Amino acid sequence: MASLFAVVTEVLEPYTGRIVADTCVRASAISMGKTADELVLDDLPAIEANIRRVLSPVAGRSTVDDLLTRIESGAR
């Protein structure tokens, strides 16, 4: 199974580019006192909230919802 970091960045990358996807996940991890490699499934709600906050100004709600659904599917 791929790490949560890998799943999230893989889903986000086509929409945000590698650097923004990577930064979004790492920033979420840092806000929880973790590294990106330490993220676990229980951290998904916080990561999703951060993604929604970051992408909502530039992506439609349906696009963000679709990305989050794909992340959840890949993470489980």
PDB file of N, CA and C in Angstrom:
ATOM      1  N   MET A   1       0.844  -1.182   0.000  1.00  0.00           N
ATOM      2  CA  MET A   1       0.000   0.000   0.000  1.00  0.00           C
ATOM      3  C   MET A   1       0.884   1.238   0.000  1.00  0.00           C
ATOM      4  N   ALA A   2       0.540   2.206  -0.829  1.00  0.00           N
ATOM      5  CA  ALA A   2       1.297   3.448  -0.922  1.00  0.00           C
ATOM      6  C   ALA A   2       1.082   4.283   0.334  1.00  0.00           C
ATOM      7  N   SER A   3       2.054   5.087   0.651  1.00  0.00           N
ATOM      8  CA  SER A   3       1.925   5.967   1.816  1.00  0.00           C
ATOM      9  C   SER A   3       0.853   7.017   1.544  1.00  0.00           C
ATOM     10  N   LEU A   4       0.313   7.580   2.596  1.00  0.00           N
ATOM     11  CA  LEU A   4      -0.689   8.625   2.463  1.00  0.00           C
ATOM     12  C   LEU A   4      -0.107   9.816   1.702  1.00  0.00           C
ATOM     13  N   PHE A   5       1.138  10.139   1.990  1.00  0.00           N
ATOM     14  CA  PHE A   5       1.822  11.220   1.285  1.00  0.00           C
ATOM     15  C   PHE A   5       1.822  10.955  -0.222  1.00  0.00           C
ATOM     16  N   ALA A   6       2.158   9.743  -0.615  1.00  0.00           N
ATOM     17  CA  ALA A   6       2.213   9.380  -2.036  1.00  0.00           C
ATOM     18  C   ALA A   6       0.834   9.451  -2.689  1.00  0.00           C
ATOM     19  N   VAL A   7      -0.180   8.955  -2.006  1.00  0.00           N
ATOM     20  CA  VAL A   7      -1.534   8.962  -2.552  1.00  0.00           C
ATOM     21  C   VAL A   7      -2.005  10.395  -2.783  1.00  0.00           C
ATOM     22  N   VAL A   8      -1.844  11.238  -1.777  1.00  0.00           N
ATOM     23  CA  VAL A   8      -2.343  12.613  -1.877  1.00  0.00           C
ATOM     24  C   VAL A   8      -1.596  13.374  -2.969  1.00  0.00           C
ATOM     25  N   THR A   9      -0.290  13.284  -2.995  1.00  0.00           N
ATOM     26  CA  THR A   9       0.458  14.034  -4.012  1.00  0.00           C
ATOM     27  C   THR A   9       0.154  13.519  -5.416  1.00  0.00           C
ATOM     28  N   GLU A  10      -0.040  12.215  -5.561  1.00  0.00           N
ATOM     29  CA  GLU A  10      -0.363  11.662  -6.875  1.00  0.00           C
ATOM     30  C   GLU A  10      -1.696  12.193  -7.394  1.00  0.00           C
ATOM     31  N   VAL A  11      -2.682  12.310  -6.518  1.00  0.00           N
ATOM     32  CA  VAL A  11      -3.994  12.818  -6.924  1.00  0.00           C
ATOM     33  C   VAL A  11      -3.935  14.317  -7.217  1.00  0.00           C
ATOM     34  N   LEU A  12      -3.231  15.068  -6.385  1.00  0.00           N
ATOM     35  CA  LEU A  12      -3.191  16.521  -6.546  1.00  0.00           C
ATOM     36  C   LEU A  12      -2.308  16.991  -7.694  1.00  0.00           C
ATOM     37  N   GLU A  13      -1.242  16.268  -7.969  1.00  0.00           N
ATOM     38  CA  GLU A  13      -0.231  16.733  -8.920  1.00  0.00           C
ATOM     39  C   GLU A  13      -0.770  17.162 -10.282  1.00  0.00           C
ATOM     40  N   PRO A  14      -1.680  16.438 -10.917  1.00  0.00           N
ATOM     41  CA  PRO A  14      -2.174  16.891 -12.222  1.00  0.00           C
ATOM     42  C   PRO A  14      -2.898  18.243 -12.169  1.00  0.00           C
ATOM     43  N   TYR A  15      -3.422  18.594 -11.008  1.00  0.00           N
ATOM     44  CA  TYR A  15      -4.179  19.829 -10.861  1.00  0.00           C
ATOM     45  C   TYR A  15      -3.331  20.982 -10.337  1.00  0.00           C
ATOM     46  N   THR A  16      -2.350  20.672  -9.524  1.00  0.00           N
ATOM     47  CA  THR A  16      -1.596  21.736  -8.854  1.00  0.00           C
ATOM     48  C   THR A  16      -0.130  21.804  -9.257  1.00  0.00           C
ATOM     49  N   GLY A  17       0.378  20.737  -9.861  1.00  0.00           N
ATOM     50  CA  GLY A  17       1.812  20.621 -10.093  1.00  0.00           C
ATOM     51  C   GLY A  17       2.457  19.935  -8.899  1.00  0.00           C
ATOM     52  N   ARG A  18       3.620  19.366  -9.127  1.00  0.00           N
ATOM     53  CA  ARG A  18       4.303  18.578  -8.092  1.00  0.00           C
ATOM     54  C   ARG A  18       4.670  19.418  -6.864  1.00  0.00           C
ATOM     55  N   ILE A  19       5.184  20.608  -7.069  1.00  0.00           N
ATOM     56  CA  ILE A  19       5.655  21.415  -5.945  1.00  0.00           C
ATOM     57  C   ILE A  19       4.508  21.802  -5.018  1.00  0.00           C
ATOM     58  N   VAL A  20       3.392  22.252  -5.575  1.00  0.00           N
ATOM     59  CA  VAL A  20       2.253  22.650  -4.736  1.00  0.00           C
ATOM     60  C   VAL A  20       1.653  21.435  -4.033  1.00  0.00           C
ATOM     61  N   ALA A  21       1.529  20.316  -4.737  1.00  0.00           N
ATOM     62  CA  ALA A  21       0.997  19.100  -4.118  1.00  0.00           C
ATOM     63  C   ALA A  21       1.875  18.679  -2.943  1.00  0.00           C
ATOM     64  N   ASP A  22       3.174  18.645  -3.170  1.00  0.00           N
ATOM     65  CA  ASP A  22       4.128  18.272  -2.131  1.00  0.00           C
ATOM     66  C   ASP A  22       4.052  19.232  -0.945  1.00  0.00           C
ATOM     67  N   THR A  23       4.015  20.513  -1.235  1.00  0.00           N
ATOM     68  CA  THR A  23       3.971  21.528  -0.174  1.00  0.00           C
ATOM     69  C   THR A  23       2.686  21.435   0.634  1.00  0.00           C
ATOM     70  N   CYS A  24       1.578  21.181  -0.030  1.00  0.00           N
ATOM     71  CA  CYS A  24       0.293  21.068   0.666  1.00  0.00           C
ATOM     72  C   CYS A  24       0.322  19.935   1.684  1.00  0.00           C
ATOM     73  N   VAL A  25       0.847  18.797   1.281  1.00  0.00           N
ATOM     74  CA  VAL A  25       0.894  17.646   2.188  1.00  0.00           C
ATOM     75  C   VAL A  25       1.903  17.888   3.306  1.00  0.00           C
ATOM     76  N   ARG A  26       3.059  18.404   2.963  1.00  0.00           N
ATOM     77  CA  ARG A  26       4.074  18.663   3.988  1.00  0.00           C
ATOM     78  C   ARG A  26       3.603  19.712   4.996  1.00  0.00           C
ATOM     79  N   ALA A  27       2.915  20.753   4.522  1.00  0.00           N
ATOM     80  CA  ALA A  27       2.392  21.779   5.429  1.00  0.00           C
ATOM     81  C   ALA A  27       1.349  21.190   6.372  1.00  0.00           C
ATOM     82  N   SER A  28       0.518  20.300   5.850  1.00  0.00           N
ATOM     83  CA  SER A  28      -0.465  19.624   6.703  1.00  0.00           C
ATOM     84  C   SER A  28       0.238  18.814   7.779  1.00  0.00           C
ATOM     85  N   ALA A  29       1.259  18.078   7.373  1.00  0.00           N
ATOM     86  CA  ALA A  29       2.006  17.256   8.330  1.00  0.00           C
ATOM     87  C   ALA A  29       2.659  18.117   9.406  1.00  0.00           C
ATOM     88  N   ILE A  30       3.307  19.185   8.996  1.00  0.00           N
ATOM     89  CA  ILE A  30       3.985  20.070   9.950  1.00  0.00           C
ATOM     90  C   ILE A  30       2.987  20.647  10.944  1.00  0.00           C
ATOM     91  N   SER A  31       1.792  21.012  10.463  1.00  0.00           N
ATOM     92  CA  SER A  31       0.782  21.578  11.368  1.00  0.00           C
ATOM     93  C   SER A  31       0.327  20.575  12.422  1.00  0.00           C
ATOM     94  N   MET A  32       0.553  19.259  12.145  1.00  0.00           N
ATOM     95  CA  MET A  32       0.207  18.211  13.101  1.00  0.00           C
ATOM     96  C   MET A  32       1.423  17.731  13.872  1.00  0.00           C
ATOM     97  N   GLY A  33       2.566  18.381  13.665  1.00  0.00           N
ATOM     98  CA  GLY A  33       3.779  17.991  14.371  1.00  0.00           C
ATOM     99  C   GLY A  33       4.403  16.716  13.831  1.00  0.00           C
ATOM    100  N   LYS A  34       4.185  16.447  12.552  1.00  0.00           N
ATOM    101  CA  LYS A  34       4.696  15.227  11.936  1.00  0.00           C
ATOM    102  C   LYS A  34       5.495  15.568  10.685  1.00  0.00           C
ATOM    103  N   THR A  35       6.168  14.559  10.151  1.00  0.00           N
ATOM    104  CA  THR A  35       6.744  14.681   8.819  1.00  0.00           C
ATOM    105  C   THR A  35       5.741  14.062   7.850  1.00  0.00           C
ATOM    106  N   ALA A  36       5.909  14.333   6.572  1.00  0.00           N
ATOM    107  CA  ALA A  36       4.995  13.783   5.573  1.00  0.00           C
ATOM    108  C   ALA A  36       5.004  12.258   5.590  1.00  0.00           C
ATOM    109  N   ASP A  37       6.137  11.664   5.877  1.00  0.00           N
ATOM    110  CA  ASP A  37       6.247  10.202   5.916  1.00  0.00           C
ATOM    111  C   ASP A  37       5.570   9.582   7.135  1.00  0.00           C
ATOM    112  N   GLU A  38       5.262  10.377   8.141  1.00  0.00           N
ATOM    113  CA  GLU A  38       4.620   9.875   9.356  1.00  0.00           C
ATOM    114  C   GLU A  38       3.095   9.949   9.296  1.00  0.00           C
ATOM    115  N   LEU A  39       2.550  10.501   8.228  1.00  0.00           N
ATOM    116  CA  LEU A  39       1.101  10.633   8.120  1.00  0.00           C
ATOM    117  C   LEU A  39       0.442   9.267   8.016  1.00  0.00           C
ATOM    118  N   VAL A  40      -0.699   9.144   8.701  1.00  0.00           N
ATOM    119  CA  VAL A  40      -1.469   7.901   8.694  1.00  0.00           C
ATOM    120  C   VAL A  40      -2.919   8.213   8.348  1.00  0.00           C
ATOM    121  N   LEU A  41      -3.700   7.190   8.132  1.00  0.00           N
ATOM    122  CA  LEU A  41      -5.083   7.351   7.719  1.00  0.00           C
ATOM    123  C   LEU A  41      -5.884   8.247   8.666  1.00  0.00           C
ATOM    124  N   ASP A  42      -5.597   8.186   9.951  1.00  0.00           N
ATOM    125  CA  ASP A  42      -6.308   9.038  10.923  1.00  0.00           C
ATOM    126  C   ASP A  42      -6.052  10.527  10.686  1.00  0.00           C
ATOM    127  N   ASP A  43      -4.996  10.862   9.948  1.00  0.00           N
ATOM    128  CA  ASP A  43      -4.668  12.269   9.660  1.00  0.00           C
ATOM    129  C   ASP A  43      -5.425  12.798   8.449  1.00  0.00           C
ATOM    130  N   LEU A  44      -6.131  11.936   7.749  1.00  0.00           N
ATOM    131  CA  LEU A  44      -6.794  12.323   6.520  1.00  0.00           C
ATOM    132  C   LEU A  44      -7.766  13.496   6.676  1.00  0.00           C
ATOM    133  N   PRO A  45      -8.591  13.571   7.719  1.00  0.00           N
ATOM    134  CA  PRO A  45      -9.491  14.717   7.845  1.00  0.00           C
ATOM    135  C   PRO A  45      -8.751  16.067   7.897  1.00  0.00           C
ATOM    136  N   ALA A  46      -7.647  16.127   8.588  1.00  0.00           N
ATOM    137  CA  ALA A  46      -6.877  17.375   8.660  1.00  0.00           C
ATOM    138  C   ALA A  46      -6.251  17.712   7.311  1.00  0.00           C
ATOM    139  N   ILE A  47      -5.767  16.695   6.606  1.00  0.00           N
ATOM    140  CA  ILE A  47      -5.186  16.916   5.282  1.00  0.00           C
ATOM    141  C   ILE A  47      -6.267  17.399   4.320  1.00  0.00           C
ATOM    142  N   GLU A  48      -7.424  16.774   4.369  1.00  0.00           N
ATOM    143  CA  GLU A  48      -8.530  17.180   3.501  1.00  0.00           C
ATOM    144  C   GLU A  48      -8.960  18.617   3.784  1.00  0.00           C
ATOM    145  N   ALA A  49      -9.014  18.997   5.045  1.00  0.00           N
ATOM    146  CA  ALA A  49      -9.378  20.375   5.394  1.00  0.00           C
ATOM    147  C   ALA A  49      -8.365  21.357   4.822  1.00  0.00           C
ATOM    148  N   ASN A  50      -7.097  21.013   4.891  1.00  0.00           N
ATOM    149  CA  ASN A  50      -6.060  21.887   4.352  1.00  0.00           C
ATOM    150  C   ASN A  50      -6.173  21.976   2.830  1.00  0.00           C
ATOM    151  N   ILE A  51      -6.417  20.864   2.178  1.00  0.00           N
ATOM    152  CA  ILE A  51      -6.565  20.866   0.724  1.00  0.00           C
ATOM    153  C   ILE A  51      -7.756  21.732   0.321  1.00  0.00           C
ATOM    154  N   ARG A  52      -8.859  21.558   1.021  1.00  0.00           N
ATOM    155  CA  ARG A  52     -10.049  22.368   0.719  1.00  0.00           C
ATOM    156  C   ARG A  52      -9.747  23.863   0.900  1.00  0.00           C
ATOM    157  N   ARG A  53      -9.055  24.206   1.960  1.00  0.00           N
ATOM    158  CA  ARG A  53      -8.720  25.611   2.225  1.00  0.00           C
ATOM    159  C   ARG A  53      -7.817  26.180   1.141  1.00  0.00           C
ATOM    160  N   VAL A  54      -6.834  25.397   0.719  1.00  0.00           N
ATOM    161  CA  VAL A  54      -5.861  25.868  -0.268  1.00  0.00           C
ATOM    162  C   VAL A  54      -6.466  25.938  -1.669  1.00  0.00           C
ATOM    163  N   LEU A  55      -7.247  24.942  -2.043  1.00  0.00           N
ATOM    164  CA  LEU A  55      -7.744  24.873  -3.416  1.00  0.00           C
ATOM    165  C   LEU A  55      -9.063  25.594  -3.658  1.00  0.00           C
ATOM    166  N   SER A  56      -9.860  25.820  -2.635  1.00  0.00           N
ATOM    167  CA  SER A  56     -11.170  26.432  -2.832  1.00  0.00           C
ATOM    168  C   SER A  56     -11.131  27.775  -3.566  1.00  0.00           C
ATOM    169  N   PRO A  57     -10.150  28.630  -3.323  1.00  0.00           N
ATOM    170  CA  PRO A  57     -10.136  29.904  -4.057  1.00  0.00           C
ATOM    171  C   PRO A  57      -9.879  29.748  -5.561  1.00  0.00           C
ATOM    172  N   VAL A  58      -9.298  28.641  -5.979  1.00  0.00           N
ATOM    173  CA  VAL A  58      -8.921  28.510  -7.392  1.00  0.00           C
ATOM    174  C   VAL A  58      -9.599  27.346  -8.105  1.00  0.00           C
ATOM    175  N   ALA A  59     -10.288  26.499  -7.389  1.00  0.00           N
ATOM    176  CA  ALA A  59     -10.960  25.343  -7.998  1.00  0.00           C
ATOM    177  C   ALA A  59     -12.404  25.304  -7.524  1.00  0.00           C
ATOM    178  N   GLY A  60     -13.272  24.862  -8.397  1.00  0.00           N
ATOM    179  CA  GLY A  60     -14.678  24.746  -8.027  1.00  0.00           C
ATOM    180  C   GLY A  60     -14.892  23.691  -6.959  1.00  0.00           C
ATOM    181  N   ARG A  61     -15.991  23.828  -6.254  1.00  0.00           N
ATOM    182  CA  ARG A  61     -16.301  22.889  -5.178  1.00  0.00           C
ATOM    183  C   ARG A  61     -16.358  21.450  -5.682  1.00  0.00           C
ATOM    184  N   SER A  62     -16.960  21.244  -6.855  1.00  0.00           N
ATOM    185  CA  SER A  62     -17.076  19.879  -7.375  1.00  0.00           C
ATOM    186  C   SER A  62     -15.704  19.293  -7.702  1.00  0.00           C
ATOM    187  N   THR A  63     -14.778  20.114  -8.170  1.00  0.00           N
ATOM    188  CA  THR A  63     -13.427  19.633  -8.457  1.00  0.00           C
ATOM    189  C   THR A  63     -12.728  19.231  -7.169  1.00  0.00           C
ATOM    190  N   VAL A  64     -12.831  20.074  -6.152  1.00  0.00           N
ATOM    191  CA  VAL A  64     -12.201  19.776  -4.864  1.00  0.00           C
ATOM    192  C   VAL A  64     -12.830  18.519  -4.263  1.00  0.00           C
ATOM    193  N   ASP A  65     -14.149  18.417  -4.316  1.00  0.00           N
ATOM    194  CA  ASP A  65     -14.832  17.224  -3.795  1.00  0.00           C
ATOM    195  C   ASP A  65     -14.368  15.968  -4.516  1.00  0.00           C
ATOM    196  N   ASP A  66     -14.216  16.050  -5.844  1.00  0.00           N
ATOM    197  CA  ASP A  66     -13.749  14.904  -6.623  1.00  0.00           C
ATOM    198  C   ASP A  66     -12.334  14.503  -6.212  1.00  0.00           C
ATOM    199  N   LEU A  67     -11.454  15.484  -6.050  1.00  0.00           N
ATOM    200  CA  LEU A  67     -10.082  15.186  -5.628  1.00  0.00           C
ATOM    201  C   LEU A  67     -10.066  14.501  -4.267  1.00  0.00           C
ATOM    202  N   LEU A  68     -10.857  15.018  -3.337  1.00  0.00           N
ATOM    203  CA  LEU A  68     -10.889  14.438  -1.993  1.00  0.00           C
ATOM    204  C   LEU A  68     -11.457  13.021  -2.009  1.00  0.00           C
ATOM    205  N   THR A  69     -12.454  12.773  -2.847  1.00  0.00           N
ATOM    206  CA  THR A  69     -13.000  11.426  -2.984  1.00  0.00           C
ATOM    207  C   THR A  69     -11.939  10.477  -3.520  1.00  0.00           C
ATOM    208  N   ARG A  70     -11.183  10.930  -4.504  1.00  0.00           N
ATOM    209  CA  ARG A  70     -10.121  10.098  -5.073  1.00  0.00           C
ATOM    210  C   ARG A  70      -9.023   9.839  -4.053  1.00  0.00           C
ATOM    211  N   ILE A  71      -8.710  10.833  -3.237  1.00  0.00           N
ATOM    212  CA  ILE A  71      -7.700  10.647  -2.185  1.00  0.00           C
ATOM    213  C   ILE A  71      -8.190   9.609  -1.178  1.00  0.00           C
ATOM    214  N   GLU A  72      -9.431   9.759  -0.726  1.00  0.00           N
ATOM    215  CA  GLU A  72      -9.982   8.799   0.241  1.00  0.00           C
ATOM    216  C   GLU A  72      -9.966   7.383  -0.320  1.00  0.00           C
ATOM    217  N   SER A  73     -10.349   7.233  -1.569  1.00  0.00           N
ATOM    218  CA  SER A  73     -10.377   5.906  -2.200  1.00  0.00           C
ATOM    219  C   SER A  73      -8.981   5.304  -2.270  1.00  0.00           C
ATOM    220  N   GLY A  74      -8.013   6.118  -2.634  1.00  0.00           N
ATOM    221  CA  GLY A  74      -6.636   5.625  -2.742  1.00  0.00           C
ATOM    222  C   GLY A  74      -5.984   5.340  -1.416  1.00  0.00           C
ATOM    223  N   ALA A  75      -6.455   6.013  -0.373  1.00  0.00           N
ATOM    224  CA  ALA A  75      -5.839   5.866   0.944  1.00  0.00           C
ATOM    225  C   ALA A  75      -6.378   4.659   1.718  1.00  0.00           C
ATOM    226  N   ARG A  76      -7.518   4.167   1.342  1.00  0.00           N
ATOM    227  CA  ARG A  76      -8.168   3.074   2.087  1.00  0.00           C
ATOM    228  C   ARG A  76      -7.895   1.724   1.485  1.00  0.00           C
TER     229      ARG A  76
END
